[in-house]
């Protein structure tokens, strides 16, 4: 069963399917650095950039 993170992320990923080279910009909130976040975005081909501290 998918986690809440996976369900929410998959819903957003579907919105970005037609965007060329999508990049998600996140702040440095600790949960945003979870390995699962990076894994899900990598699987979808979405780049990830964190805001400077």
Protein backbone atom coordinates (compact mmCIF):
# COMPACT_ATOMS: atom_id res chain seq x y z
CA UNK A 1 0.00 0.00 0.00
CA UNK A 2 1.50 3.37 -1.00
CA UNK A 3 2.36 5.87 1.72
CA UNK A 4 0.80 9.32 1.93
CA UNK A 5 4.04 10.72 0.49
CA UNK A 6 3.82 8.39 -2.50
CA UNK A 7 0.14 9.13 -3.15
CA UNK A 8 0.66 12.89 -2.96
CA UNK A 9 3.83 12.80 -5.01
CA UNK A 10 2.31 10.65 -7.74
CA UNK A 11 -0.62 13.06 -8.03
CA UNK A 12 1.75 15.99 -8.54
CA UNK A 13 3.98 14.04 -10.92
CA UNK A 14 1.00 13.43 -13.20
CA UNK A 15 0.56 17.22 -13.43
CA UNK A 16 4.16 17.61 -14.63
CA UNK A 17 4.11 14.95 -17.34
CA UNK A 18 4.07 17.47 -20.19
CA UNK A 19 6.63 19.84 -18.67
CA UNK A 20 10.06 19.55 -20.30
CA UNK A 21 12.87 18.94 -17.75
CA UNK A 22 10.81 19.61 -14.60
CA UNK A 23 12.64 20.72 -11.46
CA UNK A 24 11.15 20.80 -7.98
CA UNK A 25 12.52 23.46 -5.60
CA UNK A 26 12.16 22.67 -1.91
CA UNK A 27 13.11 24.45 1.28
CA UNK A 28 15.35 22.75 3.81
CA UNK A 29 12.66 21.29 6.03
CA UNK A 30 14.06 18.03 7.39
CA UNK A 31 11.36 15.74 5.84
CA UNK A 32 12.15 17.15 2.39
CA UNK A 33 15.59 15.51 2.65
CA UNK A 34 14.17 12.01 3.10
CA UNK A 35 15.68 9.43 0.76
CA UNK A 36 12.17 8.44 -0.38
CA UNK A 37 11.57 11.96 -1.74
CA UNK A 38 14.68 11.78 -3.89
CA UNK A 39 13.84 8.23 -4.97
CA UNK A 40 10.33 9.11 -6.12
CA UNK A 41 11.49 12.19 -8.01
CA UNK A 42 14.38 10.31 -9.65
CA UNK A 43 11.97 7.59 -10.81
CA UNK A 44 9.79 10.26 -12.39
CA UNK A 45 12.71 12.10 -14.02
CA UNK A 46 12.14 15.25 -11.96
CA UNK A 47 15.15 17.26 -10.81
CA UNK A 48 15.43 18.45 -7.23
CA UNK A 49 16.99 21.67 -5.96
CA UNK A 50 17.05 22.87 -2.35
CA UNK A 51 16.91 26.53 -1.46
CA UNK A 52 20.08 27.88 0.13
CA UNK A 53 20.16 27.85 3.90
